[in-house]
C-alpha atoms as a PDB file:
ATOM      1  CA  MET A   1       7.061  -0.950   9.675  1.00  0.00           C
ATOM      2  CA  ALA A   2       7.080   2.839  11.539  1.00  0.00           C
ATOM      3  CA  SER A   3       3.977   3.260  13.767  1.00  0.00           C
ATOM      4  CA  SER A   4       1.278   5.081  12.808  1.00  0.00           C
ATOM      5  CA  ARG A   5       2.715   7.983  15.335  1.00  0.00           C
ATOM      6  CA  SER A   6       6.173   8.319  14.121  1.00  0.00           C
ATOM      7  CA  GLN A   7       4.109   9.150  10.515  1.00  0.00           C
ATOM      8  CA  ASP A   8       2.315  11.557  11.716  1.00  0.00           C
ATOM      9  CA  LEU A   9       5.834  13.676  12.995  1.00  0.00           C
ATOM     10  CA  PRO A  10       6.396  16.589  10.624  1.00  0.00           C
ATOM     11  CA  GLY A  11       8.967  15.536   7.819  1.00  0.00           C
ATOM     12  CA  SER A  12       8.195  11.854   8.456  1.00  0.00           C
ATOM     13  CA  ILE A  13       8.367   9.270   5.318  1.00  0.00           C
ATOM     14  CA  VAL A  14       4.799   7.758   4.679  1.00  0.00           C
ATOM     15  CA  THR A  15       4.669   4.515   3.070  1.00  0.00           C
ATOM     16  CA  PHE A  16       2.573   2.361   1.194  1.00  0.00           C
ATOM     17  CA  ILE A  17       3.266  -1.417   1.552  1.00  0.00           C
ATOM     18  CA  VAL A  18       2.064  -3.422  -1.807  1.00  0.00           C
ATOM     19  CA  ASN A  19       1.987  -7.259  -0.546  1.00  0.00           C
ATOM     20  CA  ALA A  20       1.211  -9.977  -2.986  1.00  0.00           C
ATOM     21  CA  SER A  21       0.843 -13.904  -3.182  1.00  0.00           C
ATOM     22  CA  ARG A  22       0.760 -16.513  -5.971  1.00  0.00           C
ATOM     23  CA  SER A  23       1.012 -20.075  -5.009  1.00  0.00           C
ATOM     24  CA  GLU A  24       4.159 -20.183  -2.896  1.00  0.00           C
ATOM     25  CA  ASP A  25       5.362 -17.143  -3.988  1.00  0.00           C
ATOM     26  CA  VAL A  26       5.002 -14.116  -1.958  1.00  0.00           C
ATOM     27  CA  THR A  27       6.629 -10.391  -2.526  1.00  0.00           C
ATOM     28  CA  THR A  28       6.090  -7.247  -0.687  1.00  0.00           C
ATOM     29  CA  THR A  29       7.452  -3.752  -2.162  1.00  0.00           C
ATOM     30  CA  VAL A  30       7.387   0.069  -0.371  1.00  0.00           C
ATOM     31  CA  ARG A  31       6.281   2.387  -2.102  1.00  0.00           C
ATOM     32  CA  LEU A  32       6.323   6.669  -0.749  1.00  0.00           C
ATOM     33  CA  SER A  33       3.463   7.165  -3.338  1.00  0.00           C
ATOM     34  CA  VAL A  34      -0.019   5.858  -3.354  1.00  0.00           C
ATOM     35  CA  ALA A  35      -0.450   6.573  -6.392  1.00  0.00           C
ATOM     36  CA  VAL A  36       2.784   4.294  -7.365  1.00  0.00           C
ATOM     37  CA  ALA A  37       1.588   1.507  -5.204  1.00  0.00           C
ATOM     38  CA  ILE A  38      -1.568   1.212  -6.935  1.00  0.00           C
ATOM     39  CA  ALA A  39      -0.086   1.231  -9.915  1.00  0.00           C
ATOM     40  CA  LYS A  40       2.074  -1.729  -8.815  1.00  0.00           C
ATOM     41  CA  ALA A  41      -0.523  -3.941  -7.092  1.00  0.00           C
ATOM     42  CA  ASP A  42      -2.926  -3.478 -10.130  1.00  0.00           C
ATOM     43  CA  ALA A  43       0.308  -4.609 -12.922  1.00  0.00           C
ATOM     44  CA  LEU A  44       0.614  -7.639  -9.966  1.00  0.00           C
ATOM     45  CA  LEU A  45      -3.257  -8.472  -9.918  1.00  0.00           C
ATOM     46  CA  ASP A  46      -3.345  -8.353 -13.878  1.00  0.00           C
ATOM     47  CA  GLN A  47      -0.406 -11.122 -13.765  1.00  0.00           C
ATOM     48  CA  GLY A  48      -2.257 -12.992 -11.783  1.00  0.00           C
ATOM     49  CA  TRP A  49      -1.232 -12.056  -8.380  1.00  0.00           C
ATOM     50  CA  GLN A  50      -3.609 -11.880  -4.931  1.00  0.00           C
ATOM     51  CA  VAL A  51      -2.374  -8.451  -3.785  1.00  0.00           C
ATOM     52  CA  PHE A  52      -3.402  -6.146  -0.781  1.00  0.00           C
ATOM     53  CA  ILE A  53      -1.810  -2.411   0.150  1.00  0.00           C
ATOM     54  CA  THR A  54      -1.449  -1.474   3.766  1.00  0.00           C
ATOM     55  CA  GLY A  55      -1.507   1.830   4.470  1.00  0.00           C
ATOM     56  CA  PRO A  56       0.236   4.371   6.243  1.00  0.00           C
ATOM     57  CA  ASP A  57      -2.615   4.026   9.384  1.00  0.00           C
ATOM     58  CA  GLY A  58      -1.722  -0.091   9.190  1.00  0.00           C
ATOM     59  CA  ARG A  59      -4.881  -0.833   7.804  1.00  0.00           C
ATOM     60  CA  ARG A  60      -5.247  -3.379   4.876  1.00  0.00           C
ATOM     61  CA  TYR A  61      -6.584  -2.219   1.470  1.00  0.00           C
ATOM     62  CA  ASP A  62      -7.928  -4.975  -0.519  1.00  0.00           C
ATOM     63  CA  PRO A  63      -8.275  -4.236  -4.328  1.00  0.00           C
ATOM     64  CA  PRO A  64     -11.912  -2.908  -4.143  1.00  0.00           C
ATOM     65  CA  GLU A  65     -11.012  -0.260  -1.303  1.00  0.00           C
ATOM     66  CA  PHE A  66      -7.997   1.197  -3.200  1.00  0.00           C
ATOM     67  CA  ASP A  67     -10.019   4.518  -3.730  1.00  0.00           C
ATOM     68  CA  HIS A  68      -9.655   4.681   0.101  1.00  0.00           C
ATOM     69  CA  LEU A  69      -6.213   4.925  -0.268  1.00  0.00           C
ATOM     70  CA  LEU A  70      -6.179   8.214  -2.601  1.00  0.00           C
ATOM     71  CA  LYS A  71      -8.867   9.903  -0.016  1.00  0.00           C
ATOM     72  CA  LEU A  72      -6.561   8.995   2.807  1.00  0.00           C
ATOM     73  CA  ASP A  73      -3.015   9.986   0.984  1.00  0.00           C
ATOM     74  CA  SER A  74      -4.986  13.372   0.226  1.00  0.00           C
ATOM     75  CA  ALA A  75      -5.750  13.836   4.103  1.00  0.00           C
ATOM     76  CA  LEU A  76      -1.765  13.432   4.940  1.00  0.00           C
END
């Protein structure tokens, strides 16, 4: 993942990484939109996966904190 400094540059791409695990399975997907990342995370949660999203700030957001990601996205 790119450093937070490079993501502060004009024209840089902001990414949200959806991390999920279930039993021995692990999946990671990259999304450019916080809304799409949350939708993907919610779909995985519905299927029984344990999910968290890593925001462009490098912080881990668990499902109860997904609303914070929406606020972060609007600040970007």
